[in-house]
Amino acid sequence: MNSAFRVGLVVLALAVTMPKLPVAAQNPPGVYNCIVKVPASWGEFKGASAEYGMAFEDSAGTLRFE
Protein backbone atom coordinates (compact mmCIF):
# COMPACT_ATOMS: atom_id res chain seq x y z
CA MET A 1 0.00 0.00 0.00
CA ASN A 2 1.03 3.58 -0.59
CA SER A 3 2.49 5.19 2.57
CA ALA A 4 0.31 8.29 2.20
CA PHE A 5 -2.73 6.03 2.02
CA ARG A 6 -1.63 4.23 5.20
CA VAL A 7 -1.15 7.53 7.00
CA GLY A 8 -4.61 8.63 5.88
CA LEU A 9 -6.14 5.43 7.23
CA VAL A 10 -4.40 5.87 10.58
CA VAL A 11 -5.54 9.50 10.86
CA LEU A 12 -9.11 8.51 9.96
CA ALA A 13 -9.09 5.68 12.52
CA LEU A 14 -7.79 8.02 15.23
CA ALA A 15 -10.39 10.67 14.40
CA VAL A 16 -13.23 8.14 14.60
CA THR A 17 -12.09 6.60 17.89
CA MET A 18 -11.18 9.78 19.78
CA PRO A 19 -13.65 10.79 22.48
CA LYS A 20 -15.62 13.95 21.84
CA LEU A 21 -14.76 16.94 24.00
CA PRO A 22 -17.53 18.78 25.84
CA VAL A 23 -18.93 21.76 23.99
CA ALA A 24 -18.40 25.20 25.51
CA ALA A 25 -21.24 27.66 26.05
CA GLN A 26 -22.88 28.89 22.85
CA ASN A 27 -22.16 32.40 21.56
CA PRO A 28 -24.99 34.92 21.71
CA PRO A 29 -26.81 35.44 18.38
CA GLY A 30 -24.84 37.62 15.97
CA VAL A 31 -21.43 36.88 17.54
CA TYR A 32 -19.04 34.94 15.29
CA ASN A 33 -15.72 33.30 16.07
CA CYS A 34 -14.05 33.37 12.65
CA ILE A 35 -13.81 35.20 9.35
CA VAL A 36 -13.31 33.31 6.09
CA LYS A 37 -11.43 34.96 3.24
CA VAL A 38 -11.44 33.31 -0.18
CA PRO A 39 -9.83 34.33 -3.48
CA ALA A 40 -12.00 36.45 -5.76
CA SER A 41 -11.32 33.91 -8.53
CA TRP A 42 -13.58 31.43 -6.74
CA GLY A 43 -16.53 33.60 -7.77
CA GLU A 44 -19.78 34.45 -6.05
CA PHE A 45 -20.77 32.75 -2.78
CA LYS A 46 -23.85 30.59 -3.41
CA GLY A 47 -24.46 29.03 -0.01
CA ALA A 48 -23.27 26.38 2.43
CA SER A 49 -24.33 23.06 3.87
CA ALA A 50 -22.99 20.57 6.40
CA GLU A 51 -22.69 17.91 3.67
CA TYR A 52 -20.87 19.88 0.96
CA GLY A 53 -19.31 22.89 2.66
CA MET A 54 -19.34 26.32 1.04
CA ALA A 55 -20.33 26.69 -2.62
CA PHE A 56 -18.99 29.30 -5.04
CA GLU A 57 -19.79 29.89 -8.71
CA ASP A 58 -17.12 31.41 -10.99
CA SER A 59 -17.71 33.53 -14.11
CA ALA A 60 -17.76 30.39 -16.32
CA GLY A 61 -20.58 28.89 -14.24
CA THR A 62 -18.37 26.28 -12.57
CA LEU A 63 -19.38 25.42 -9.01
CA ARG A 64 -16.64 24.97 -6.41
CA PHE A 65 -17.32 23.26 -3.09
CA GLU A 66 -14.82 23.96 -0.31
PDB file of N, CA and C in Angstrom:
ATOM      1  N   MET A   1       0.829  -1.196   0.000  1.00  0.00           N
ATOM      2  CA  MET A   1       0.000   0.000   0.000  1.00  0.00           C
ATOM      3  C   MET A   1       0.871   1.256   0.000  1.00  0.00           C
ATOM      4  N   ASN A   2       0.370   2.289  -0.566  1.00  0.00           N
ATOM      5  CA  ASN A   2       1.034   3.584  -0.593  1.00  0.00           C
ATOM      6  C   ASN A   2       1.143   4.126   0.839  1.00  0.00           C
ATOM      7  N   SER A   3       2.289   4.699   1.198  1.00  0.00           N
ATOM      8  CA  SER A   3       2.489   5.186   2.567  1.00  0.00           C
ATOM      9  C   SER A   3       1.539   6.337   2.906  1.00  0.00           C
ATOM     10  N   ALA A   4       1.253   7.192   1.945  1.00  0.00           N
ATOM     11  CA  ALA A   4       0.308   8.289   2.199  1.00  0.00           C
ATOM     12  C   ALA A   4      -1.085   7.736   2.480  1.00  0.00           C
ATOM     13  N   PHE A   5      -1.436   6.668   1.790  1.00  0.00           N
ATOM     14  CA  PHE A   5      -2.734   6.035   2.017  1.00  0.00           C
ATOM     15  C   PHE A   5      -2.785   5.443   3.425  1.00  0.00           C
ATOM     16  N   ARG A   6      -1.700   4.808   3.841  1.00  0.00           N
ATOM     17  CA  ARG A   6      -1.634   4.229   5.195  1.00  0.00           C
ATOM     18  C   ARG A   6      -1.758   5.315   6.255  1.00  0.00           C
ATOM     19  N   VAL A   7      -1.061   6.420   6.054  1.00  0.00           N
ATOM     20  CA  VAL A   7      -1.147   7.531   7.001  1.00  0.00           C
ATOM     21  C   VAL A   7      -2.579   8.049   7.062  1.00  0.00           C
ATOM     22  N   GLY A   8      -3.218   8.177   5.912  1.00  0.00           N
ATOM     23  CA  GLY A   8      -4.609   8.627   5.875  1.00  0.00           C
ATOM     24  C   GLY A   8      -5.531   7.701   6.644  1.00  0.00           C
ATOM     25  N   LEU A   9      -5.325   6.393   6.498  1.00  0.00           N
ATOM     26  CA  LEU A   9      -6.144   5.429   7.234  1.00  0.00           C
ATOM     27  C   LEU A   9      -5.932   5.543   8.737  1.00  0.00           C
ATOM     28  N   VAL A  10      -4.691   5.729   9.155  1.00  0.00           N
ATOM     29  CA  VAL A  10      -4.395   5.874  10.584  1.00  0.00           C
ATOM     30  C   VAL A  10      -5.050   7.138  11.139  1.00  0.00           C
ATOM     31  N   VAL A  11      -4.927   8.240  10.411  1.00  0.00           N
ATOM     32  CA  VAL A  11      -5.539   9.499  10.855  1.00  0.00           C
ATOM     33  C   VAL A  11      -7.048   9.351  10.943  1.00  0.00           C
ATOM     34  N   LEU A  12      -7.655   8.724   9.954  1.00  0.00           N
ATOM     35  CA  LEU A  12      -9.106   8.511   9.964  1.00  0.00           C
ATOM     36  C   LEU A  12      -9.510   7.637  11.151  1.00  0.00           C
ATOM     37  N   ALA A  13      -8.773   6.566  11.397  1.00  0.00           N
ATOM     38  CA  ALA A  13      -9.085   5.680  12.519  1.00  0.00           C
ATOM     39  C   ALA A  13      -8.971   6.419  13.847  1.00  0.00           C
ATOM     40  N   LEU A  14      -7.946   7.245  13.994  1.00  0.00           N
ATOM     41  CA  LEU A  14      -7.794   8.017  15.234  1.00  0.00           C
ATOM     42  C   LEU A  14      -8.928   9.021  15.407  1.00  0.00           C
ATOM     43  N   ALA A  15      -9.315   9.672  14.326  1.00  0.00           N
ATOM     44  CA  ALA A  15     -10.394  10.669  14.400  1.00  0.00           C
ATOM     45  C   ALA A  15     -11.716  10.024  14.796  1.00  0.00           C
ATOM     46  N   VAL A  16     -11.966   8.822  14.307  1.00  0.00           N
ATOM     47  CA  VAL A  16     -13.228   8.135  14.602  1.00  0.00           C
ATOM     48  C   VAL A  16     -13.260   7.638  16.039  1.00  0.00           C
ATOM     49  N   THR A  17     -12.112   7.202  16.556  1.00  0.00           N
ATOM     50  CA  THR A  17     -12.092   6.596  17.887  1.00  0.00           C
ATOM     51  C   THR A  17     -11.846   7.577  19.019  1.00  0.00           C
ATOM     52  N   MET A  18     -11.451   8.812  18.715  1.00  0.00           N
ATOM     53  CA  MET A  18     -11.178   9.783  19.777  1.00  0.00           C
ATOM     54  C   MET A  18     -12.479  10.206  20.456  1.00  0.00           C
ATOM     55  N   PRO A  19     -12.444  10.324  21.791  1.00  0.00           N
ATOM     56  CA  PRO A  19     -13.654  10.785  22.484  1.00  0.00           C
ATOM     57  C   PRO A  19     -13.947  12.242  22.151  1.00  0.00           C
ATOM     58  N   LYS A  20     -15.209  12.577  22.140  1.00  0.00           N
ATOM     59  CA  LYS A  20     -15.625  13.946  21.842  1.00  0.00           C
ATOM     60  C   LYS A  20     -15.440  14.811  23.095  1.00  0.00           C
ATOM     61  N   LEU A  21     -14.928  16.014  22.894  1.00  0.00           N
ATOM     62  CA  LEU A  21     -14.755  16.941  23.999  1.00  0.00           C
ATOM     63  C   LEU A  21     -16.069  17.662  24.286  1.00  0.00           C
ATOM     64  N   PRO A  22     -16.292  18.044  25.533  1.00  0.00           N
ATOM     65  CA  PRO A  22     -17.526  18.779  25.838  1.00  0.00           C
ATOM     66  C   PRO A  22     -17.561  20.112  25.103  1.00  0.00           C
ATOM     67  N   VAL A  23     -18.752  20.522  24.732  1.00  0.00           N
ATOM     68  CA  VAL A  23     -18.934  21.762  23.987  1.00  0.00           C
ATOM     69  C   VAL A  23     -19.046  22.926  24.958  1.00  0.00           C
ATOM     70  N   ALA A  24     -18.340  24.004  24.674  1.00  0.00           N
ATOM     71  CA  ALA A  24     -18.402  25.201  25.514  1.00  0.00           C
ATOM     72  C   ALA A  24     -19.743  25.897  25.315  1.00  0.00           C
ATOM     73  N   ALA A  25     -20.000  26.884  26.145  1.00  0.00           N
ATOM     74  CA  ALA A  25     -21.240  27.656  26.052  1.00  0.00           C
ATOM     75  C   ALA A  25     -21.376  28.262  24.656  1.00  0.00           C
ATOM     76  N   GLN A  26     -22.595  28.343  24.173  1.00  0.00           N
ATOM     77  CA  GLN A  26     -22.876  28.892  22.847  1.00  0.00           C
ATOM     78  C   GLN A  26     -22.705  30.406  22.858  1.00  0.00           C
ATOM     79  N   ASN A  27     -22.268  30.948  21.719  1.00  0.00           N
ATOM     80  CA  ASN A  27     -22.162  32.396  21.564  1.00  0.00           C
ATOM     81  C   ASN A  27     -23.549  33.007  21.437  1.00  0.00           C
ATOM     82  N   PRO A  28     -23.712  34.237  21.905  1.00  0.00           N
ATOM     83  CA  PRO A  28     -24.992  34.916  21.710  1.00  0.00           C
ATOM     84  C   PRO A  28     -25.245  35.113  20.214  1.00  0.00           C
ATOM     85  N   PRO A  29     -26.504  35.234  19.798  1.00  0.00           N
ATOM     86  CA  PRO A  29     -26.807  35.443  18.380  1.00  0.00           C
ATOM     87  C   PRO A  29     -26.061  36.668  17.833  1.00  0.00           C
ATOM     88  N   GLY A  30     -25.527  36.525  16.619  1.00  0.00           N
ATOM     89  CA  GLY A  30     -24.838  37.625  15.972  1.00  0.00           C
ATOM     90  C   GLY A  30     -23.362  37.733  16.308  1.00  0.00           C
ATOM     91  N   VAL A  31     -22.843  36.854  17.188  1.00  0.00           N
ATOM     92  CA  VAL A  31     -21.434  36.882  17.538  1.00  0.00           C
ATOM     93  C   VAL A  31     -20.751  35.706  16.845  1.00  0.00           C
ATOM     94  N   TYR A  32     -19.704  35.983  16.059  1.00  0.00           N
ATOM     95  CA  TYR A  32     -19.041  34.943  15.288  1.00  0.00           C
ATOM     96  C   TYR A  32     -17.590  34.794  15.726  1.00  0.00           C
ATOM     97  N   ASN A  33     -17.070  33.580  15.626  1.00  0.00           N
ATOM     98  CA  ASN A  33     -15.715  33.302  16.069  1.00  0.00           C
ATOM     99  C   ASN A  33     -14.673  33.405  14.966  1.00  0.00           C
ATOM    100  N   CYS A  34     -15.054  33.380  13.703  1.00  0.00           N
ATOM    101  CA  CYS A  34     -14.052  33.366  12.645  1.00  0.00           C
ATOM    102  C   CYS A  34     -14.522  34.165  11.438  1.00  0.00           C
ATOM    103  N   ILE A  35     -13.547  34.512  10.614  1.00  0.00           N
ATOM    104  CA  ILE A  35     -13.806  35.200   9.351  1.00  0.00           C
ATOM    105  C   ILE A  35     -13.144  34.379   8.261  1.00  0.00           C
ATOM    106  N   VAL A  36     -13.857  34.098   7.195  1.00  0.00           N
ATOM    107  CA  VAL A  36     -13.310  33.314   6.094  1.00  0.00           C
ATOM    108  C   VAL A  36     -13.029  34.247   4.926  1.00  0.00           C
ATOM    109  N   LYS A  37     -11.811  34.173   4.416  1.00  0.00           N
ATOM    110  CA  LYS A  37     -11.435  34.960   3.242  1.00  0.00           C
ATOM    111  C   LYS A  37     -11.088  33.984   2.131  1.00  0.00           C
ATOM    112  N   VAL A  38     -11.690  34.188   0.964  1.00  0.00           N
ATOM    113  CA  VAL A  38     -11.437  33.311  -0.179  1.00  0.00           C
ATOM    114  C   VAL A  38     -10.999  34.155  -1.371  1.00  0.00           C
ATOM    115  N   PRO A  39     -10.258  33.568  -2.302  1.00  0.00           N
ATOM    116  CA  PRO A  39      -9.830  34.330  -3.481  1.00  0.00           C
ATOM    117  C   PRO A  39     -11.024  34.774  -4.320  1.00  0.00           C
ATOM    118  N   ALA A  40     -10.928  35.946  -4.900  1.00  0.00           N
ATOM    119  CA  ALA A  40     -11.999  36.454  -5.761  1.00  0.00           C
ATOM    120  C   ALA A  40     -12.226  35.544  -6.963  1.00  0.00           C
ATOM    121  N   SER A  41     -11.191  34.807  -7.371  1.00  0.00           N
ATOM    122  CA  SER A  41     -11.321  33.911  -8.530  1.00  0.00           C
ATOM    123  C   SER A  41     -12.303  32.768  -8.289  1.00  0.00           C
ATOM    124  N   TRP A  42     -12.614  32.489  -7.027  1.00  0.00           N
ATOM    125  CA  TRP A  42     -13.583  31.429  -6.736  1.00  0.00           C
ATOM    126  C   TRP A  42     -14.982  31.829  -7.170  1.00  0.00           C
ATOM    127  N   GLY A  43     -15.234  33.127  -7.305  1.00  0.00           N
ATOM    128  CA  GLY A  43     -16.532  33.597  -7.766  1.00  0.00           C
ATOM    129  C   GLY A  43     -17.463  33.992  -6.641  1.00  0.00           C
ATOM    130  N   GLU A  44     -18.743  34.005  -6.969  1.00  0.00           N
ATOM    131  CA  GLU A  44     -19.782  34.452  -6.045  1.00  0.00           C
ATOM    132  C   GLU A  44     -20.172  33.341  -5.075  1.00  0.00           C
ATOM    133  N   PHE A  45     -20.323  33.702  -3.801  1.00  0.00           N
ATOM    134  CA  PHE A  45     -20.769  32.749  -2.779  1.00  0.00           C
ATOM    135  C   PHE A  45     -22.219  32.361  -3.053  1.00  0.00           C
ATOM    136  N   LYS A  46     -22.506  31.060  -3.105  1.00  0.00           N
ATOM    137  CA  LYS A  46     -23.854  30.586  -3.414  1.00  0.00           C
ATOM    138  C   LYS A  46     -24.558  29.969  -2.220  1.00  0.00           C
ATOM    139  N   GLY A  47     -23.834  29.603  -1.186  1.00  0.00           N
ATOM    140  CA  GLY A  47     -24.461  29.033  -0.014  1.00  0.00           C
ATOM    141  C   GLY A  47     -23.539  28.025   0.654  1.00  0.00           C
ATOM    142  N   ALA A  48     -24.063  27.353   1.693  1.00  0.00           N
ATOM    143  CA  ALA A  48     -23.265  26.381   2.429  1.00  0.00           C
ATOM    144  C   ALA A  48     -24.171  25.311   3.010  1.00  0.00           C
ATOM    145  N   SER A  49     -23.597  24.142   3.217  1.00  0.00           N
ATOM    146  CA  SER A  49     -24.329  23.061   3.873  1.00  0.00           C
ATOM    147  C   SER A  49     -23.344  22.202   4.643  1.00  0.00           C
ATOM    148  N   ALA A  50     -23.841  21.453   5.604  1.00  0.00           N
ATOM    149  CA  ALA A  50     -22.988  20.566   6.396  1.00  0.00           C
ATOM    150  C   ALA A  50     -22.415  19.451   5.532  1.00  0.00           C
ATOM    151  N   GLU A  51     -23.134  19.020   4.516  1.00  0.00           N
ATOM    152  CA  GLU A  51     -22.689  17.905   3.674  1.00  0.00           C
ATOM    153  C   GLU A  51     -21.616  18.313   2.675  1.00  0.00           C
ATOM    154  N   TYR A  52     -21.751  19.486   2.051  1.00  0.00           N
ATOM    155  CA  TYR A  52     -20.868  19.876   0.959  1.00  0.00           C
ATOM    156  C   TYR A  52     -19.928  21.024   1.285  1.00  0.00           C
ATOM    157  N   GLY A  53     -20.133  21.728   2.347  1.00  0.00           N
ATOM    158  CA  GLY A  53     -19.309  22.892   2.658  1.00  0.00           C
ATOM    159  C   GLY A  53     -19.838  24.123   1.959  1.00  0.00           C
ATOM    160  N   MET A  54     -18.936  25.078   1.690  1.00  0.00           N
ATOM    161  CA  MET A  54     -19.341  26.317   1.041  1.00  0.00           C
ATOM    162  C   MET A  54     -19.303  26.151  -0.475  1.00  0.00           C
ATOM    163  N   ALA A  55     -20.258  26.785  -1.157  1.00  0.00           N
ATOM    164  CA  ALA A  55     -20.333  26.691  -2.618  1.00  0.00           C
ATOM    165  C   ALA A  55     -20.098  28.064  -3.236  1.00  0.00           C
ATOM    166  N   PHE A  56     -19.284  28.091  -4.298  1.00  0.00           N
ATOM    167  CA  PHE A  56     -18.991  29.305  -5.038  1.00  0.00           C
ATOM    168  C   PHE A  56     -19.185  29.022  -6.519  1.00  0.00           C
ATOM    169  N   GLU A  57     -19.631  30.033  -7.266  1.00  0.00           N
ATOM    170  CA  GLU A  57     -19.792  29.893  -8.709  1.00  0.00           C
ATOM    171  C   GLU A  57     -18.923  30.932  -9.407  1.00  0.00           C
ATOM    172  N   ASP A  58     -18.001  30.477 -10.275  1.00  0.00           N
ATOM    173  CA  ASP A  58     -17.124  31.408 -10.986  1.00  0.00           C
ATOM    174  C   ASP A  58     -17.814  31.971 -12.218  1.00  0.00           C
ATOM    175  N   SER A  59     -17.126  32.853 -12.954  1.00  0.00           N
ATOM    176  CA  SER A  59     -17.714  33.532 -14.111  1.00  0.00           C
ATOM    177  C   SER A  59     -18.073  32.569 -15.245  1.00  0.00           C
ATOM    178  N   ALA A  60     -17.449  31.384 -15.292  1.00  0.00           N
ATOM    179  CA  ALA A  60     -17.763  30.393 -16.320  1.00  0.00           C
ATOM    180  C   ALA A  60     -18.931  29.492 -15.911  1.00  0.00           C
ATOM    181  N   GLY A  61     -19.471  29.694 -14.712  1.00  0.00           N
ATOM    182  CA  GLY A  61     -20.582  28.891 -14.242  1.00  0.00           C
ATOM    183  C   GLY A  61     -20.159  27.621 -13.508  1.00  0.00           C
ATOM    184  N   THR A  62     -18.867  27.459 -13.282  1.00  0.00           N
ATOM    185  CA  THR A  62     -18.367  26.280 -12.567  1.00  0.00           C
ATOM    186  C   THR A  62     -18.594  26.433 -11.079  1.00  0.00           C
ATOM    187  N   LEU A  63     -19.163  25.395 -10.450  1.00  0.00           N
ATOM    188  CA  LEU A  63     -19.378  25.420  -9.013  1.00  0.00           C
ATOM    189  C   LEU A  63     -18.166  24.823  -8.315  1.00  0.00           C
ATOM    190  N   ARG A  64     -17.745  25.447  -7.227  1.00  0.00           N
ATOM    191  CA  ARG A  64     -16.636  24.972  -6.406  1.00  0.00           C
ATOM    192  C   ARG A  64     -17.180  24.750  -4.998  1.00  0.00           C
ATOM    193  N   PHE A  65     -16.915  23.583  -4.458  1.00  0.00           N
ATOM    194  CA  PHE A  65     -17.319  23.262  -3.088  1.00  0.00           C
ATOM    195  C   PHE A  65     -16.065  23.171  -2.229  1.00  0.00           C
ATOM    196  N   GLU A  66     -15.992  23.958  -1.191  1.00  0.00           N
ATOM    197  CA  GLU A  66     -14.824  23.965  -0.311  1.00  0.00           C
ATOM    198  C   GLU A  66     -15.232  23.612   1.091  1.00  0.00           C
TER     199      GLU A  66
END
